[in-house]
Amino acid sequence: MGSGLAPGIPTPLLLLALSTLHPIIGELREPLLIVEGPERDGIRLRCLPARPLPPGRLLWSDGHGRDLPAIPEAGGSPGSSALLRPGSGNAAACRAQLGQGGAQSAVVIAGALFPSPWPRAPLLLLLLLALGLALAAALRLRRDRRVVAQEHFRRAQSHAAALSLDERCSHPALLIRGRSRILRRDPGSRPCPGALAVAREGFSRGKHYWEVELGDGGAWELGVLREEIRDSIRDSLRDFPEEEAPGLTYSQGEFRLPGGKLERNSGRCRVLGVLLDQERCVLEFFDAEEKQLLGSVPLKISGNLFPFFRPGSDGNGLGIRPVGV
């Protein structure tokens, strides 16, 4: 078996007691407790706080409640270590203490693991336990991230705005139906520069959210544009600069967001949510069915901004959907 953290020490086994597995206690999260492996006549443990703490705020104790000497991390890094020896109750706890509040992580070590040399069977058992805990922590972290993303989506939805299409400000190549659906007049024809439809409603401040049904469309673009561009769409035969009409584009199975950050580069999205946040000067796009953020782009334009819609030439239109459907 190869060496671990230092020559002569067996491969270290990491036992993760991640703070993501536990609730917040007071103002602190439970510290990360790591089993690094055997050292001399005991087992070396490390404790890392969830955030920097003043010196002496990480307190160690063994399974009998007795204090364990703490060894500070080298270089002034946050955290400390302790050596757990036989007769310590085969357990240790690390407590992060701040004022009247505190958070604690604990670990129990099988007594058979203390003798040297270590038997292989307990090593394998401990390895499997460590892997299981690591997998559980990874799944919990993934779930927590999803919960945070869904909460962000729900907050965006709370700013729902009712939209309707403006027939007077749509390109002649497009057909407006019922003030909520946009189609190409000549499906299958070559793409027409500047072929946009625009909402009647414009927004100059605050937060506003709307949703658009994309169906099976293989190409589309959604975003916002300045009022000056809106007033010239019917007579325009050109595309507009991306900085004047920021938007999310979908084509050939891939998303494109010039000047922005994508959380997902490809895949199908059937309902797109758009949040215009003029307080933070950002435009965000969501997969409304998955309740996940697709991407965001900083706004470099201001004033009265209008939602725009550009369907593809494949015959699949776009439709404004009431939020919450």
Protein backbone atom coordinates (compact mmCIF):
# COMPACT_ATOMS: atom_id res chain seq x y z
CA MET A 1 0.00 0.00 0.00
CA GLY A 2 1.39 3.44 -0.95
CA SER A 3 2.35 6.12 1.53
CA GLY A 4 -0.19 8.65 2.78
CA LEU A 5 0.38 12.20 3.95
CA ALA A 6 4.01 11.45 5.07
CA PRO A 7 6.54 8.61 4.60
CA GLY A 8 5.85 5.62 6.79
CA ILE A 9 2.16 6.45 7.29
CA PRO A 10 -0.50 4.27 5.58
CA THR A 11 -2.82 5.86 3.04
CA PRO A 12 -4.91 8.47 4.92
CA LEU A 13 -8.61 7.96 5.10
CA LEU A 14 -10.82 11.00 4.96
CA LEU A 15 -13.97 10.89 7.08
CA LEU A 16 -16.02 13.90 6.02
CA ALA A 17 -18.36 15.47 8.52
CA LEU A 18 -19.38 18.30 6.20
CA SER A 19 -21.27 21.28 7.44
CA THR A 20 -23.62 20.85 4.49
CA LEU A 21 -25.05 17.80 6.27
CA HIS A 22 -26.09 19.79 9.32
CA PRO A 23 -28.21 22.82 10.14
CA ILE A 24 -26.89 26.21 11.18
CA ILE A 25 -26.43 26.49 14.95
CA GLY A 26 -26.52 30.09 16.10
CA GLU A 27 -24.31 32.04 13.73
CA LEU A 28 -21.95 29.15 13.01
CA ARG A 29 -22.00 26.05 10.87
CA GLU A 30 -20.52 22.85 12.18
CA PRO A 31 -16.81 22.62 11.36
CA LEU A 32 -15.36 20.07 8.96
CA LEU A 33 -13.80 17.15 10.85
CA ILE A 34 -11.22 15.06 8.95
CA VAL A 35 -9.63 11.76 9.95
CA GLU A 36 -6.15 12.02 8.41
CA GLY A 37 -4.81 8.64 9.54
CA PRO A 38 -2.54 6.95 12.11
CA GLU A 39 0.33 8.82 13.72
CA ARG A 40 2.63 7.41 16.39
CA ASP A 41 0.31 5.79 18.96
CA GLY A 42 -2.91 7.44 17.86
CA ILE A 43 -4.97 8.85 15.02
CA ARG A 44 -4.48 12.35 13.70
CA LEU A 45 -7.65 14.46 13.33
CA ARG A 46 -8.05 17.89 11.71
CA CYS A 47 -10.80 20.44 12.29
CA LEU A 48 -11.53 23.25 9.83
CA PRO A 49 -14.06 25.97 10.72
CA ALA A 50 -16.73 26.98 8.20
CA ARG A 51 -15.36 30.52 8.45
CA PRO A 52 -12.31 32.16 10.06
CA LEU A 53 -12.44 32.36 13.87
CA PRO A 54 -10.27 34.15 16.44
CA PRO A 55 -7.44 32.03 17.92
CA GLY A 56 -8.47 29.53 20.56
CA ARG A 57 -12.07 29.23 19.37
CA LEU A 58 -11.72 25.58 18.21
CA LEU A 59 -12.04 23.33 21.29
CA TRP A 60 -11.22 19.60 21.24
CA SER A 61 -12.53 16.90 23.59
CA ASP A 62 -12.36 13.10 23.65
CA GLY A 63 -15.09 10.51 24.15
CA HIS A 64 -14.96 10.99 27.95
CA GLY A 65 -15.44 14.74 27.68
CA ARG A 66 -11.81 15.50 28.53
CA ASP A 67 -9.99 18.29 26.73
CA LEU A 68 -7.57 17.31 23.96
CA PRO A 69 -4.51 19.47 23.21
CA ALA A 70 -5.06 21.45 20.01
CA ILE A 71 -2.21 21.97 17.53
CA PRO A 72 -2.66 25.13 15.39
CA GLU A 73 -2.36 24.85 11.62
CA ALA A 74 0.95 25.89 10.10
CA GLY A 75 1.24 29.34 8.55
CA GLY A 76 -1.63 30.79 10.57
CA SER A 77 -4.27 28.95 8.51
CA PRO A 78 -7.69 28.53 10.17
CA GLY A 79 -8.19 25.22 11.91
CA SER A 80 -6.26 22.92 14.23
CA SER A 81 -5.46 19.26 14.74
CA ALA A 82 -5.40 16.79 17.62
CA LEU A 83 -4.06 13.29 18.30
CA LEU A 84 -6.65 10.75 19.45
CA ARG A 85 -5.01 7.96 21.49
CA PRO A 86 -6.32 4.62 22.84
CA GLY A 87 -8.29 5.05 26.04
CA SER A 88 -9.89 8.25 24.81
CA GLY A 89 -13.30 6.66 24.48
CA ASN A 90 -12.64 6.09 20.75
CA ALA A 91 -14.34 9.38 19.96
CA ALA A 92 -13.49 13.03 19.54
CA ALA A 93 -15.37 16.28 19.07
CA CYS A 94 -14.32 19.65 17.71
CA ARG A 95 -16.39 22.65 18.78
CA ALA A 96 -16.32 26.08 17.14
CA GLN A 97 -17.12 28.58 19.88
CA LEU A 98 -18.08 32.21 19.25
CA GLY A 99 -19.63 34.24 22.05
CA GLN A 100 -22.60 32.33 23.49
CA GLY A 101 -23.06 30.31 20.30
CA GLY A 102 -21.24 27.27 19.07
CA ALA A 103 -21.32 24.40 16.58
CA GLN A 104 -19.79 20.96 17.01
CA SER A 105 -18.72 18.00 14.86
CA ALA A 106 -17.86 14.60 16.28
CA VAL A 107 -16.40 11.29 15.07
CA VAL A 108 -16.26 7.79 16.52
CA ILE A 109 -13.31 5.51 15.69
CA ALA A 110 -13.52 1.73 16.03
CA GLY A 111 -11.17 0.53 18.77
CA ALA A 112 -9.73 -2.13 16.48
CA LEU A 113 -8.27 0.61 14.31
CA PHE A 114 -5.86 1.91 16.96
CA PRO A 115 -3.34 -0.98 17.16
CA SER A 116 -0.40 -0.94 14.73
CA PRO A 117 -0.02 -2.32 12.17
CA TRP A 118 -3.62 -1.68 11.14
CA PRO A 119 -5.53 -4.77 9.94
CA ARG A 120 -6.71 -4.57 6.34
CA ALA A 121 -10.34 -5.45 7.06
CA PRO A 122 -10.99 -2.41 9.29
CA LEU A 123 -9.16 -0.24 6.77
CA LEU A 124 -11.47 -1.40 4.02
CA LEU A 125 -14.51 -0.88 6.22
CA LEU A 126 -13.41 2.65 7.12
CA LEU A 127 -12.69 3.40 3.47
CA LEU A 128 -16.17 2.28 2.45
CA LEU A 129 -17.66 4.37 5.25
CA ALA A 130 -15.66 7.42 4.13
CA LEU A 131 -16.74 6.96 0.53
CA GLY A 132 -20.35 6.62 1.62
CA LEU A 133 -20.20 9.81 3.64
CA ALA A 134 -18.48 11.64 0.79
CA LEU A 135 -21.20 10.50 -1.62
CA ALA A 136 -23.93 11.55 0.82
CA ALA A 137 -22.27 14.96 1.21
CA ALA A 138 -22.03 15.41 -2.56
CA LEU A 139 -25.69 14.52 -3.02
CA ARG A 140 -26.70 16.87 -0.22
CA LEU A 141 -24.64 19.69 -1.73
CA ARG A 142 -26.24 19.10 -5.13
CA ARG A 143 -29.69 19.12 -3.57
CA ASP A 144 -28.94 22.29 -1.61
CA ARG A 145 -27.76 24.04 -4.76
CA ARG A 146 -30.94 23.02 -6.51
CA VAL A 147 -33.04 24.34 -3.62
CA VAL A 148 -31.19 27.68 -3.74
CA ALA A 149 -31.68 27.87 -7.52
CA GLN A 150 -35.40 27.13 -7.21
CA GLU A 151 -35.79 29.77 -4.52
CA HIS A 152 -34.08 32.30 -6.81
CA PHE A 153 -36.52 31.31 -9.55
CA ARG A 154 -39.53 31.74 -7.24
CA ARG A 155 -38.32 35.20 -6.27
CA ALA A 156 -38.01 36.08 -9.95
CA GLN A 157 -41.55 34.79 -10.63
CA SER A 158 -42.90 37.02 -7.88
CA HIS A 159 -42.23 40.00 -10.17
CA ALA A 160 -44.53 38.69 -12.91
CA ALA A 161 -45.62 41.24 -15.51
CA ALA A 162 -48.50 40.87 -17.98
CA LEU A 163 -47.33 41.30 -21.58
CA SER A 164 -49.08 41.64 -24.91
CA LEU A 165 -47.60 42.00 -28.38
CA ASP A 166 -47.69 45.29 -30.25
CA GLU A 167 -48.78 44.72 -33.87
CA ARG A 168 -47.65 48.22 -34.76
CA CYS A 169 -44.07 47.43 -33.73
CA SER A 170 -43.54 44.03 -35.32
CA HIS A 171 -41.57 43.25 -38.45
CA PRO A 172 -43.63 42.68 -41.64
CA ALA A 173 -42.15 39.17 -41.92
CA LEU A 174 -43.92 38.18 -38.69
CA LEU A 175 -47.56 37.40 -37.94
CA ILE A 176 -49.12 38.32 -34.58
CA ARG A 177 -52.04 36.24 -33.32
CA GLY A 178 -54.13 37.20 -30.34
CA ARG A 179 -51.48 39.60 -29.07
CA SER A 180 -49.63 36.68 -27.49
CA ARG A 181 -48.26 34.49 -30.32
CA ILE A 182 -45.66 35.23 -33.00
CA LEU A 183 -45.22 33.24 -36.23
CA ARG A 184 -43.19 33.63 -39.40
CA ARG A 185 -45.44 34.54 -42.34
CA ASP A 186 -43.34 32.42 -44.67
CA PRO A 187 -41.96 29.43 -42.69
CA GLY A 188 -38.88 27.88 -44.21
CA SER A 189 -37.76 31.07 -45.89
CA ARG A 190 -34.32 32.55 -45.41
CA PRO A 191 -33.76 34.38 -42.09
CA CYS A 192 -34.82 38.00 -42.30
CA PRO A 193 -32.59 40.57 -40.55
CA GLY A 194 -34.39 42.56 -37.88
CA ALA A 195 -37.45 40.26 -37.87
CA LEU A 196 -38.57 40.98 -34.31
CA ALA A 197 -41.84 41.42 -32.45
CA VAL A 198 -42.01 43.69 -29.41
CA ALA A 199 -44.28 43.89 -26.38
CA ARG A 200 -46.55 46.86 -25.81
CA GLU A 201 -45.26 47.19 -22.26
CA GLY A 202 -41.97 48.90 -21.53
CA PHE A 203 -40.11 49.10 -18.22
CA SER A 204 -37.82 51.85 -17.01
CA ARG A 205 -37.18 50.70 -13.43
CA GLY A 206 -37.76 47.86 -11.00
CA LYS A 207 -37.96 44.10 -11.62
CA HIS A 208 -40.20 42.45 -14.19
CA TYR A 209 -40.59 38.77 -15.13
CA TRP A 210 -42.36 37.07 -18.04
CA GLU A 211 -42.48 33.61 -19.63
CA VAL A 212 -42.45 32.50 -23.25
CA GLU A 213 -43.50 29.12 -24.64
CA LEU A 214 -40.87 27.92 -27.11
CA GLY A 215 -42.45 24.63 -28.16
CA ASP A 216 -40.24 22.53 -30.41
CA GLY A 217 -38.65 25.52 -32.09
CA GLY A 218 -35.10 24.84 -33.18
CA ALA A 219 -34.11 28.51 -33.21
CA TRP A 220 -35.23 31.66 -31.40
CA GLU A 221 -34.02 34.76 -29.60
CA LEU A 222 -35.52 36.59 -26.61
CA GLY A 223 -34.37 39.69 -24.78
CA VAL A 224 -34.98 43.41 -24.35
CA LEU A 225 -34.25 46.46 -26.48
CA ARG A 226 -34.26 50.22 -26.24
CA GLU A 227 -37.33 52.28 -27.10
CA GLU A 228 -35.55 53.91 -30.06
CA ILE A 229 -35.05 50.51 -31.69
CA ARG A 230 -38.64 49.50 -31.00
CA ASP A 231 -39.92 52.49 -32.94
CA SER A 232 -37.87 51.58 -36.03
CA ILE A 233 -38.55 47.83 -36.29
CA ARG A 234 -41.23 47.94 -39.00
CA ASP A 235 -38.90 49.72 -41.42
CA SER A 236 -35.69 47.96 -40.42
CA LEU A 237 -33.94 45.48 -42.70
CA ARG A 238 -30.93 44.96 -40.48
CA ASP A 239 -30.00 43.34 -37.22
CA PHE A 240 -29.30 45.53 -34.25
CA PRO A 241 -26.06 45.64 -32.24
CA GLU A 242 -26.07 43.09 -29.44
CA GLU A 243 -25.32 45.73 -26.80
CA GLU A 244 -28.50 47.63 -27.83
CA ALA A 245 -30.69 44.52 -27.76
CA PRO A 246 -29.20 41.98 -25.32
CA GLY A 247 -30.79 38.56 -25.54
CA LEU A 248 -30.47 34.79 -25.30
CA THR A 249 -30.22 32.91 -28.60
CA TYR A 250 -30.93 29.24 -29.24
CA SER A 251 -29.81 27.53 -32.44
CA GLN A 252 -28.82 23.98 -33.41
CA GLY A 253 -29.29 22.75 -29.85
CA GLU A 254 -27.01 25.32 -28.22
CA PHE A 255 -27.55 28.50 -26.23
CA ARG A 256 -25.61 31.69 -26.88
CA LEU A 257 -25.53 34.75 -24.63
CA PRO A 258 -23.11 37.41 -25.90
CA GLY A 259 -21.45 39.31 -23.08
CA GLY A 260 -23.10 37.12 -20.43
CA LYS A 261 -22.57 33.93 -18.45
CA LEU A 262 -24.32 30.67 -19.27
CA GLU A 263 -25.07 28.05 -16.62
CA ARG A 264 -25.98 25.56 -19.34
CA ASN A 265 -24.70 25.56 -22.91
CA SER A 266 -27.08 23.11 -24.56
CA GLY A 267 -30.27 21.11 -24.14
CA ARG A 268 -33.96 21.64 -24.71
CA CYS A 269 -35.95 24.39 -23.02
CA ARG A 270 -39.71 24.52 -23.70
CA VAL A 271 -40.64 27.50 -21.51
CA LEU A 272 -38.23 30.36 -20.95
CA GLY A 273 -38.55 32.78 -18.05
CA VAL A 274 -37.00 36.24 -18.39
CA LEU A 275 -36.25 38.59 -15.47
CA LEU A 276 -35.45 42.22 -16.25
CA ASP A 277 -33.79 43.54 -13.10
CA GLN A 278 -33.09 47.23 -13.54
CA GLU A 279 -32.15 47.58 -9.88
CA ARG A 280 -29.11 45.34 -10.37
CA CYS A 281 -28.75 46.14 -14.12
CA VAL A 282 -28.94 42.49 -15.17
CA LEU A 283 -31.06 40.36 -17.49
CA GLU A 284 -31.61 36.76 -16.35
CA PHE A 285 -33.01 33.74 -18.22
CA PHE A 286 -34.59 30.66 -16.60
CA ASP A 287 -35.75 27.23 -17.68
CA ALA A 288 -39.24 27.74 -16.25
CA GLU A 289 -40.09 24.02 -16.23
CA GLU A 290 -36.87 23.03 -14.43
CA LYS A 291 -36.92 26.21 -12.28
CA GLN A 292 -33.22 26.65 -13.00
CA LEU A 293 -31.14 29.63 -14.10
CA LEU A 294 -29.87 29.31 -17.69
CA GLY A 295 -27.76 32.45 -17.80
CA SER A 296 -27.45 36.16 -17.09
CA VAL A 297 -26.04 39.18 -18.86
CA PRO A 298 -25.22 42.67 -17.49
CA LEU A 299 -27.37 45.46 -18.92
CA LYS A 300 -25.44 48.15 -20.73
CA ILE A 301 -28.59 49.99 -21.76
CA SER A 302 -31.07 51.93 -19.65
CA GLY A 303 -34.26 53.90 -20.01
CA ASN A 304 -37.54 52.43 -21.20
CA LEU A 305 -36.79 48.83 -22.23
CA PHE A 306 -39.18 46.56 -24.15
CA PRO A 307 -39.23 42.73 -24.33
CA PHE A 308 -38.55 41.43 -27.86
CA PHE A 309 -39.22 38.07 -29.52
CA ARG A 310 -37.55 36.57 -32.59
CA PRO A 311 -38.95 33.20 -33.80
CA GLY A 312 -36.91 30.92 -36.04
CA SER A 313 -37.64 30.13 -39.66
CA ASP A 314 -38.68 26.50 -38.95
CA GLY A 315 -42.37 27.37 -38.60
CA ASN A 316 -42.54 27.00 -34.82
CA GLY A 317 -43.78 30.18 -33.25
CA LEU A 318 -43.33 31.75 -29.83
CA GLY A 319 -46.10 32.42 -27.34
CA ILE A 320 -46.33 34.63 -24.26
CA ARG A 321 -47.54 32.48 -21.37
CA PRO A 322 -49.30 33.78 -18.25
CA VAL A 323 -46.92 33.27 -15.32
CA GLY A 324 -47.89 30.41 -13.03
CA VAL A 325 -49.53 28.23 -15.70
